[in-house]
Each structure stands twice: as C-alpha cells, then as structure tokens.
C-alpha cells in the first residue's frame, strides 16, 4: 500500500512539473493570464467606486430623512412619528 502512495506522489510531481513549465513558457497562456488579471483589477476598481457612490447616496438619503423628520412638513412629519419613534423606543 505504501509503495503505491509513493509512486502516486512521484508521478504527480512529474506531471505537475511538466504542466507548470509548459504553461510558464507558453506565450498564449501568459497573454491570457495578463488579460485576466487586468480584467479582474478593472472590475475590482469599478466595484469599489460603485460601493463608495452607493455609500454616499445612502448617507445623503439618511440626512434628507432626518431633516424632514426633525423639521417636518405635513405628511412626512406624520410618517416620521408613526415609523421612526416606535423604532427608537
């Protein structure tokens, strides 16, 4: 049983070396890797930008709700009294 495990490790090592060296020396794979990396970076930057924009919009929205509830104007004041006060208690 132990001999089979050893042979599997040796075979796995050599196959791994062949695949890694083959990909490392392949111009097509290197182009693919660079393009993929750039796309992931672009998407990550876009996601961070959208996250920041959304956070600012939520912050502005919460300020607008607070201002309307504090100063009140007809129906909005009634809405704030019914919806916000029970949450605070």
PDB file of N, CA and C in Angstrom:
ATOM      1  N   UNK A   1       0.827  -1.194   0.000  1.00  0.00           N
ATOM      2  CA  UNK A   1       0.000   0.000   0.000  1.00  0.00           C
ATOM      3  C   UNK A   1       0.871   1.257   0.000  1.00  0.00           C
ATOM      4  N   UNK A   2       1.924   1.250   0.821  1.00  0.00           N
ATOM      5  CA  UNK A   2       2.786   2.420   0.917  1.00  0.00           C
ATOM      6  C   UNK A   2       3.535   2.651  -0.392  1.00  0.00           C
ATOM      7  N   UNK A   3       3.890   1.603  -1.092  1.00  0.00           N
ATOM      8  CA  UNK A   3       4.591   1.738  -2.354  1.00  0.00           C
ATOM      9  C   UNK A   3       3.743   2.420  -3.409  1.00  0.00           C
ATOM     10  N   UNK A   4       2.440   2.150  -3.421  1.00  0.00           N
ATOM     11  CA  UNK A   4       1.526   2.784  -4.361  1.00  0.00           C
ATOM     12  C   UNK A   4       1.395   4.269  -4.084  1.00  0.00           C
ATOM     13  N   UNK A   5       1.385   4.621  -2.820  1.00  0.00           N
ATOM     14  CA  UNK A   5       1.287   6.025  -2.421  1.00  0.00           C
ATOM     15  C   UNK A   5       2.535   6.784  -2.862  1.00  0.00           C
ATOM     16  N   UNK A   6       3.701   6.157  -2.700  1.00  0.00           N
ATOM     17  CA  UNK A   6       4.953   6.776  -3.117  1.00  0.00           C
ATOM     18  C   UNK A   6       4.981   6.984  -4.629  1.00  0.00           C
ATOM     19  N   UNK A   7       4.567   5.971  -5.377  1.00  0.00           N
ATOM     20  CA  UNK A   7       4.546   6.072  -6.840  1.00  0.00           C
ATOM     21  C   UNK A   7       3.579   7.172  -7.294  1.00  0.00           C
ATOM     22  N   UNK A   8       2.448   7.272  -6.607  1.00  0.00           N
ATOM     23  CA  UNK A   8       1.484   8.317  -6.946  1.00  0.00           C
ATOM     24  C   UNK A   8       2.093   9.702  -6.731  1.00  0.00           C
ATOM     25  N   UNK A   9       2.811   9.865  -5.634  1.00  0.00           N
ATOM     26  CA  UNK A   9       3.457  11.158  -5.359  1.00  0.00           C
ATOM     27  C   UNK A   9       4.505  11.503  -6.414  1.00  0.00           C
ATOM     28  N   UNK A  10       5.306  10.540  -6.795  1.00  0.00           N
ATOM     29  CA  UNK A  10       6.355  10.771  -7.793  1.00  0.00           C
ATOM     30  C   UNK A  10       5.726  11.134  -9.139  1.00  0.00           C
ATOM     31  N   UNK A  11       4.733  10.365  -9.539  1.00  0.00           N
ATOM     32  CA  UNK A  11       4.053  10.628 -10.809  1.00  0.00           C
ATOM     33  C   UNK A  11       3.373  12.003 -10.782  1.00  0.00           C
ATOM     34  N   UNK A  12       2.726  12.304  -9.681  1.00  0.00           N
ATOM     35  CA  UNK A  12       2.052  13.594  -9.530  1.00  0.00           C
ATOM     36  C   UNK A  12       3.058  14.745  -9.613  1.00  0.00           C
ATOM     37  N   UNK A  13       4.226  14.568  -8.991  1.00  0.00           N
ATOM     38  CA  UNK A  13       5.265  15.601  -9.025  1.00  0.00           C
ATOM     39  C   UNK A  13       5.722  15.871 -10.464  1.00  0.00           C
ATOM     40  N   UNK A  14       5.994  14.807 -11.220  1.00  0.00           N
ATOM     41  CA  UNK A  14       6.485  14.985 -12.588  1.00  0.00           C
ATOM     42  C   UNK A  14       5.415  15.588 -13.500  1.00  0.00           C
ATOM     43  N   UNK A  15       4.181  15.162 -13.367  1.00  0.00           N
ATOM     44  CA  UNK A  15       3.103  15.742 -14.171  1.00  0.00           C
ATOM     45  C   UNK A  15       2.942  17.217 -13.830  1.00  0.00           C
ATOM     46  N   UNK A  16       2.991  17.530 -12.545  1.00  0.00           N
ATOM     47  CA  UNK A  16       2.874  18.926 -12.109  1.00  0.00           C
ATOM     48  C   UNK A  16       4.003  19.772 -12.697  1.00  0.00           C
ATOM     49  N   UNK A  17       5.225  19.262 -12.668  1.00  0.00           N
ATOM     50  CA  UNK A  17       6.365  19.989 -13.230  1.00  0.00           C
ATOM     51  C   UNK A  17       6.192  20.219 -14.736  1.00  0.00           C
ATOM     52  N   UNK A  18       5.727  19.224 -15.453  1.00  0.00           N
ATOM     53  CA  UNK A  18       5.527  19.369 -16.894  1.00  0.00           C
ATOM     54  C   UNK A  18       4.450  20.413 -17.200  1.00  0.00           C
ATOM     55  N   UNK A  19       3.363  20.368 -16.473  1.00  0.00           N
ATOM     56  CA  UNK A  19       2.261  21.314 -16.717  1.00  0.00           C
ATOM     57  C   UNK A  19       2.690  22.730 -16.367  1.00  0.00           C
ATOM     58  N   UNK A  20       3.301  22.906 -15.209  1.00  0.00           N
ATOM     59  CA  UNK A  20       3.725  24.247 -14.781  1.00  0.00           C
ATOM     60  C   UNK A  20       4.752  24.821 -15.749  1.00  0.00           C
ATOM     61  N   UNK A  21       5.741  24.041 -16.109  1.00  0.00           N
ATOM     62  CA  UNK A  21       6.760  24.532 -17.045  1.00  0.00           C
ATOM     63  C   UNK A  21       6.160  24.806 -18.411  1.00  0.00           C
ATOM     64  N   UNK A  22       5.255  23.951 -18.844  1.00  0.00           N
ATOM     65  CA  UNK A  22       4.602  24.173 -20.137  1.00  0.00           C
ATOM     66  C   UNK A  22       3.806  25.466 -20.161  1.00  0.00           C
ATOM     67  N   UNK A  23       3.045  25.729 -19.109  1.00  0.00           N
ATOM     68  CA  UNK A  23       2.256  26.969 -19.055  1.00  0.00           C
ATOM     69  C   UNK A  23       3.141  28.195 -18.867  1.00  0.00           C
ATOM     70  N   UNK A  24       4.173  28.055 -18.061  1.00  0.00           N
ATOM     71  CA  UNK A  24       5.059  29.188 -17.802  1.00  0.00           C
ATOM     72  C   UNK A  24       5.777  29.633 -19.075  1.00  0.00           C
ATOM     73  N   UNK A  25       6.047  28.716 -19.968  1.00  0.00           N
ATOM     74  CA  UNK A  25       6.765  29.041 -21.200  1.00  0.00           C
ATOM     75  C   UNK A  25       5.843  29.262 -22.392  1.00  0.00           C
ATOM     76  N   UNK A  26       4.542  29.281 -22.156  1.00  0.00           N
ATOM     77  CA  UNK A  26       3.586  29.439 -23.248  1.00  0.00           C
ATOM     78  C   UNK A  26       3.179  30.907 -23.396  1.00  0.00           C
ATOM     79  N   UNK A  27       3.515  31.554 -24.520  1.00  0.00           N
ATOM     80  CA  UNK A  27       3.118  32.947 -24.726  1.00  0.00           C
ATOM     81  C   UNK A  27       1.601  33.133 -24.715  1.00  0.00           C
ATOM     82  N   UNK A  28       0.877  32.160 -25.240  1.00  0.00           N
ATOM     83  CA  UNK A  28      -0.592  32.270 -25.259  1.00  0.00           C
ATOM     84  C   UNK A  28      -1.145  32.278 -23.837  1.00  0.00           C
ATOM     85  N   UNK A  29      -0.628  31.394 -22.986  1.00  0.00           N
ATOM     86  CA  UNK A  29      -1.097  31.361 -21.600  1.00  0.00           C
ATOM     87  C   UNK A  29      -0.709  32.638 -20.867  1.00  0.00           C
ATOM     88  N   UNK A  30       0.468  33.160 -21.139  1.00  0.00           N
ATOM     89  CA  UNK A  30       0.892  34.398 -20.487  1.00  0.00           C
ATOM     90  C   UNK A  30      -0.004  35.563 -20.892  1.00  0.00           C
ATOM     91  N   UNK A  31      -0.397  35.642 -22.177  1.00  0.00           N
ATOM     92  CA  UNK A  31      -1.337  36.688 -22.611  1.00  0.00           C
ATOM     93  C   UNK A  31      -2.673  36.534 -21.907  1.00  0.00           C
ATOM     94  N   UNK A  32      -3.148  35.292 -21.838  1.00  0.00           N
ATOM     95  CA  UNK A  32      -4.403  35.019 -21.150  1.00  0.00           C
ATOM     96  C   UNK A  32      -4.328  35.458 -19.688  1.00  0.00           C
ATOM     97  N   UNK A  33      -3.235  35.132 -19.012  1.00  0.00           N
ATOM     98  CA  UNK A  33      -3.076  35.470 -17.603  1.00  0.00           C
ATOM     99  C   UNK A  33      -3.045  36.986 -17.404  1.00  0.00           C
ATOM    100  N   UNK A  34      -2.334  37.694 -18.263  1.00  0.00           N
ATOM    101  CA  UNK A  34      -2.247  39.157 -18.146  1.00  0.00           C
ATOM    102  C   UNK A  34      -3.611  39.798 -18.396  1.00  0.00           C
ATOM    103  N   UNK A  35      -4.318  39.359 -19.438  1.00  0.00           N
ATOM    104  CA  UNK A  35      -5.642  39.919 -19.734  1.00  0.00           C
ATOM    105  C   UNK A  35      -6.611  39.653 -18.590  1.00  0.00           C
ATOM    106  N   UNK A  36      -6.575  38.447 -18.067  1.00  0.00           N
ATOM    107  CA  UNK A  36      -7.467  38.090 -16.964  1.00  0.00           C
ATOM    108  C   UNK A  36      -7.163  38.931 -15.731  1.00  0.00           C
ATOM    109  N   UNK A  37      -5.900  39.102 -15.436  1.00  0.00           N
ATOM    110  CA  UNK A  37      -5.511  39.913 -14.280  1.00  0.00           C
ATOM    111  C   UNK A  37      -5.971  41.361 -14.434  1.00  0.00           C
ATOM    112  N   UNK A  38      -5.801  41.916 -15.619  1.00  0.00           N
ATOM    113  CA  UNK A  38      -6.237  43.293 -15.859  1.00  0.00           C
ATOM    114  C   UNK A  38      -7.745  43.423 -15.730  1.00  0.00           C
ATOM    115  N   UNK A  39      -8.486  42.452 -16.259  1.00  0.00           N
ATOM    116  CA  UNK A  39      -9.952  42.499 -16.158  1.00  0.00           C
ATOM    117  C   UNK A  39     -10.404  42.423 -14.709  1.00  0.00           C
ATOM    118  N   UNK A  40      -9.776  41.560 -13.933  1.00  0.00           N
ATOM    119  CA  UNK A  40     -10.139  41.449 -12.518  1.00  0.00           C
ATOM    120  C   UNK A  40      -9.827  42.749 -11.792  1.00  0.00           C
ATOM    121  N   UNK A  41      -8.689  43.360 -12.087  1.00  0.00           N
ATOM    122  CA  UNK A  41      -8.347  44.644 -11.478  1.00  0.00           C
ATOM    123  C   UNK A  41      -9.368  45.722 -11.855  1.00  0.00           C
ATOM    124  N   UNK A  42      -9.737  45.771 -13.130  1.00  0.00           N
ATOM    125  CA  UNK A  42     -10.725  46.753 -13.583  1.00  0.00           C
ATOM    126  C   UNK A  42     -12.067  46.561 -12.885  1.00  0.00           C
ATOM    127  N   UNK A  43     -12.503  45.315 -12.796  1.00  0.00           N
ATOM    128  CA  UNK A  43     -13.783  45.026 -12.139  1.00  0.00           C
ATOM    129  C   UNK A  43     -13.715  45.356 -10.659  1.00  0.00           C
ATOM    130  N   UNK A  44     -12.608  45.063 -10.019  1.00  0.00           N
ATOM    131  CA  UNK A  44     -12.448  45.382  -8.597  1.00  0.00           C
ATOM    132  C   UNK A  44     -12.484  46.889  -8.368  1.00  0.00           C
ATOM    133  N   UNK A  45     -11.807  47.641  -9.235  1.00  0.00           N
ATOM    134  CA  UNK A  45     -11.817  49.100  -9.106  1.00  0.00           C
ATOM    135  C   UNK A  45     -13.209  49.667  -9.339  1.00  0.00           C
ATOM    136  N   UNK A  46     -13.912  49.134 -10.323  1.00  0.00           N
ATOM    137  CA  UNK A  46     -15.273  49.583 -10.603  1.00  0.00           C
ATOM    138  C   UNK A  46     -16.193  49.268  -9.430  1.00  0.00           C
ATOM    139  N   UNK A  47     -16.056  48.085  -8.850  1.00  0.00           N
ATOM    140  CA  UNK A  47     -16.880  47.710  -7.702  1.00  0.00           C
ATOM    141  C   UNK A  47     -16.605  48.621  -6.510  1.00  0.00           C
ATOM    142  N   UNK A  48     -15.351  48.949  -6.271  1.00  0.00           N
ATOM    143  CA  UNK A  48     -15.014  49.845  -5.157  1.00  0.00           C
ATOM    144  C   UNK A  48     -15.597  51.237  -5.393  1.00  0.00           C
ATOM    145  N   UNK A  49     -15.538  51.708  -6.628  1.00  0.00           N
ATOM    146  CA  UNK A  49     -16.090  53.025  -6.964  1.00  0.00           C
ATOM    147  C   UNK A  49     -17.607  53.037  -6.762  1.00  0.00           C
ATOM    148  N   UNK A  50     -18.283  51.999  -7.245  1.00  0.00           N
ATOM    149  CA  UNK A  50     -19.740  51.916  -7.093  1.00  0.00           C
ATOM    150  C   UNK A  50     -20.136  51.795  -5.622  1.00  0.00           C
ATOM    151  N   UNK A  51     -19.347  51.065  -4.854  1.00  0.00           N
ATOM    152  CA  UNK A  51     -19.614  50.921  -3.424  1.00  0.00           C
ATOM    153  C   UNK A  51     -19.536  52.281  -2.732  1.00  0.00           C
ATOM    154  N   UNK A  52     -18.522  53.071  -3.075  1.00  0.00           N
ATOM    155  CA  UNK A  52     -18.356  54.402  -2.498  1.00  0.00           C
ATOM    156  C   UNK A  52     -19.521  55.304  -2.898  1.00  0.00           C
ATOM    157  N   UNK A  53     -19.911  55.270  -4.179  1.00  0.00           N
ATOM    158  CA  UNK A  53     -21.029  56.089  -4.640  1.00  0.00           C
ATOM    159  C   UNK A  53     -22.320  55.716  -3.924  1.00  0.00           C
ATOM    160  N   UNK A  54     -22.553  54.432  -3.761  1.00  0.00           N
ATOM    161  CA  UNK A  54     -23.756  53.968  -3.089  1.00  0.00           C
ATOM    162  C   UNK A  54     -23.745  54.386  -1.618  1.00  0.00           C
ATOM    163  N   UNK A  55     -22.603  54.300  -0.973  1.00  0.00           N
ATOM    164  CA  UNK A  55     -22.493  54.715   0.432  1.00  0.00           C
ATOM    165  C   UNK A  55     -22.809  56.204   0.571  1.00  0.00           C
ATOM    166  N   UNK A  56     -22.321  57.017  -0.367  1.00  0.00           N
ATOM    167  CA  UNK A  56     -22.611  58.450  -0.327  1.00  0.00           C
ATOM    168  C   UNK A  56     -24.093  58.722  -0.554  1.00  0.00           C
ATOM    169  N   UNK A  57     -24.718  57.976  -1.466  1.00  0.00           N
ATOM    170  CA  UNK A  57     -26.143  58.161  -1.726  1.00  0.00           C
ATOM    171  C   UNK A  57     -26.973  57.771  -0.504  1.00  0.00           C
ATOM    172  N   UNK A  58     -26.616  56.690   0.151  1.00  0.00           N
ATOM    173  CA  UNK A  58     -27.343  56.267   1.350  1.00  0.00           C
ATOM    174  C   UNK A  58     -27.159  57.298   2.459  1.00  0.00           C
ATOM    175  N   UNK A  59     -25.951  57.829   2.586  1.00  0.00           N
ATOM    176  CA  UNK A  59     -25.686  58.849   3.602  1.00  0.00           C
ATOM    177  C   UNK A  59     -26.517  60.101   3.331  1.00  0.00           C
ATOM    178  N   UNK A  60     -26.568  60.551   2.069  1.00  0.00           N
ATOM    179  CA  UNK A  60     -27.378  61.716   1.714  1.00  0.00           C
ATOM    180  C   UNK A  60     -28.859  61.444   1.958  1.00  0.00           C
ATOM    181  N   UNK A  61     -29.301  60.248   1.621  1.00  0.00           N
ATOM    182  CA  UNK A  61     -30.702  59.893   1.820  1.00  0.00           C
ATOM    183  C   UNK A  61     -31.057  59.902   3.302  1.00  0.00           C
ATOM    184  N   UNK A  62     -30.182  59.365   4.130  1.00  0.00           N
ATOM    185  CA  UNK A  62     -30.473  59.341   5.564  1.00  0.00           C
ATOM    186  C   UNK A  62     -30.480  60.756   6.136  1.00  0.00           C
ATOM    187  N   UNK A  63     -29.615  61.633   5.625  1.00  0.00           N
ATOM    188  CA  UNK A  63     -29.631  63.030   6.075  1.00  0.00           C
ATOM    189  C   UNK A  63     -30.947  63.689   5.683  1.00  0.00           C
ATOM    190  N   UNK A  64     -31.417  63.425   4.453  1.00  0.00           N
ATOM    191  CA  UNK A  64     -32.675  64.008   3.999  1.00  0.00           C
ATOM    192  C   UNK A  64     -33.848  63.524   4.849  1.00  0.00           C
ATOM    193  N   UNK A  65     -33.858  62.266   5.196  1.00  0.00           N
ATOM    194  CA  UNK A  65     -34.937  61.744   6.037  1.00  0.00           C
ATOM    195  C   UNK A  65     -34.878  62.376   7.411  1.00  0.00           C
ATOM    196  N   UNK A  66     -33.676  62.490   7.993  1.00  0.00           N
ATOM    197  CA  UNK A  66     -33.536  63.110   9.312  1.00  0.00           C
ATOM    198  C   UNK A  66     -34.017  64.545   9.297  1.00  0.00           C
ATOM    199  N   UNK A  67     -33.631  65.304   8.275  1.00  0.00           N
ATOM    200  CA  UNK A  67     -34.014  66.712   8.193  1.00  0.00           C
ATOM    201  C   UNK A  67     -35.522  66.835   8.074  1.00  0.00           C
ATOM    202  N   UNK A  68     -36.154  66.010   7.253  1.00  0.00           N
ATOM    203  CA  UNK A  68     -37.599  66.081   7.075  1.00  0.00           C
ATOM    204  C   UNK A  68     -38.325  65.678   8.355  1.00  0.00           C
ATOM    205  N   UNK A  69     -37.799  64.699   9.076  1.00  0.00           N
ATOM    206  CA  UNK A  69     -38.452  64.262  10.302  1.00  0.00           C
ATOM    207  C   UNK A  69     -38.316  65.317  11.400  1.00  0.00           C
ATOM    208  N   UNK A  70     -37.161  65.943  11.477  1.00  0.00           N
ATOM    209  CA  UNK A  70     -36.947  66.947  12.522  1.00  0.00           C
ATOM    210  C   UNK A  70     -37.758  68.200  12.236  1.00  0.00           C
ATOM    211  N   UNK A  71     -37.694  68.702  10.998  1.00  0.00           N
ATOM    212  CA  UNK A  71     -38.378  69.947  10.670  1.00  0.00           C
ATOM    213  C   UNK A  71     -39.828  69.710  10.288  1.00  0.00           C
ATOM    214  N   UNK A  72     -40.105  68.569   9.743  1.00  0.00           N
ATOM    215  CA  UNK A  72     -41.467  68.169   9.411  1.00  0.00           C
ATOM    216  C   UNK A  72     -42.114  69.020   8.341  1.00  0.00           C
ATOM    217  N   UNK A  73     -42.982  68.390   7.597  1.00  0.00           N
ATOM    218  CA  UNK A  73     -43.818  69.114   6.651  1.00  0.00           C
ATOM    219  C   UNK A  73     -45.043  68.251   6.356  1.00  0.00           C
ATOM    220  N   UNK A  74     -46.046  68.415   7.105  1.00  0.00           N
ATOM    221  CA  UNK A  74     -47.310  67.729   6.865  1.00  0.00           C
ATOM    222  C   UNK A  74     -47.208  66.227   6.967  1.00  0.00           C
ATOM    223  N   UNK A  75     -47.428  65.555   5.853  1.00  0.00           N
ATOM    224  CA  UNK A  75     -47.499  64.100   5.833  1.00  0.00           C
ATOM    225  C   UNK A  75     -46.180  63.444   6.244  1.00  0.00           C
ATOM    226  N   UNK A  76     -45.073  64.056   5.871  1.00  0.00           N
ATOM    227  CA  UNK A  76     -43.779  63.463   6.216  1.00  0.00           C
ATOM    228  C   UNK A  76     -43.592  63.444   7.721  1.00  0.00           C
ATOM    229  N   UNK A  77     -44.013  64.499   8.402  1.00  0.00           N
ATOM    230  CA  UNK A  77     -43.887  64.549   9.854  1.00  0.00           C
ATOM    231  C   UNK A  77     -44.721  63.438  10.482  1.00  0.00           C
ATOM    232  N   UNK A  78     -45.930  63.231   9.955  1.00  0.00           N
ATOM    233  CA  UNK A  78     -46.784  62.165  10.462  1.00  0.00           C
ATOM    234  C   UNK A  78     -46.132  60.804  10.204  1.00  0.00           C
ATOM    235  N   UNK A  79     -45.541  60.648   9.024  1.00  0.00           N
ATOM    236  CA  UNK A  79     -44.847  59.402   8.696  1.00  0.00           C
ATOM    237  C   UNK A  79     -43.719  59.145   9.680  1.00  0.00           C
ATOM    238  N   UNK A  80     -42.934  60.174   9.977  1.00  0.00           N
ATOM    239  CA  UNK A  80     -41.808  60.018  10.889  1.00  0.00           C
ATOM    240  C   UNK A  80     -42.290  59.652  12.287  1.00  0.00           C
ATOM    241  N   UNK A  81     -43.353  60.276  12.724  1.00  0.00           N
ATOM    242  CA  UNK A  81     -43.863  59.968  14.056  1.00  0.00           C
ATOM    243  C   UNK A  81     -44.346  58.529  14.135  1.00  0.00           C
ATOM    244  N   UNK A  82     -44.977  58.043  13.073  1.00  0.00           N
ATOM    245  CA  UNK A  82     -45.511  56.688  13.091  1.00  0.00           C
ATOM    246  C   UNK A  82     -44.419  55.643  12.878  1.00  0.00           C
ATOM    247  N   UNK A  83     -43.461  55.928  12.034  1.00  0.00           N
ATOM    248  CA  UNK A  83     -42.479  54.912  11.660  1.00  0.00           C
ATOM    249  C   UNK A  83     -41.193  54.975  12.478  1.00  0.00           C
ATOM    250  N   UNK A  84     -40.708  56.152  12.797  1.00  0.00           N
ATOM    251  CA  UNK A  84     -39.400  56.273  13.433  1.00  0.00           C
ATOM    252  C   UNK A  84     -39.460  56.151  14.946  1.00  0.00           C
ATOM    253  N   UNK A  85     -40.430  56.762  15.571  1.00  0.00           N
ATOM    254  CA  UNK A  85     -40.488  56.769  17.027  1.00  0.00           C
ATOM    255  C   UNK A  85     -40.626  55.352  17.596  1.00  0.00           C
ATOM    256  N   UNK A  86     -41.475  54.465  17.035  1.00  0.00           N
ATOM    257  CA  UNK A  86     -41.531  53.121  17.580  1.00  0.00           C
ATOM    258  C   UNK A  86     -40.199  52.394  17.501  1.00  0.00           C
ATOM    259  N   UNK A  87     -39.382  52.697  16.504  1.00  0.00           N
ATOM    260  CA  UNK A  87     -38.083  52.041  16.395  1.00  0.00           C
ATOM    261  C   UNK A  87     -37.128  52.516  17.489  1.00  0.00           C
ATOM    262  N   UNK A  88     -37.287  53.755  17.904  1.00  0.00           N
ATOM    263  CA  UNK A  88     -36.393  54.312  18.926  1.00  0.00           C
ATOM    264  C   UNK A  88     -36.753  53.765  20.302  1.00  0.00           C
ATOM    265  N   UNK A  89     -38.039  53.610  20.576  1.00  0.00           N
ATOM    266  CA  UNK A  89     -38.492  53.115  21.890  1.00  0.00           C
ATOM    267  C   UNK A  89     -38.063  51.712  22.031  1.00  0.00           C
TER     268      UNK A  89
END
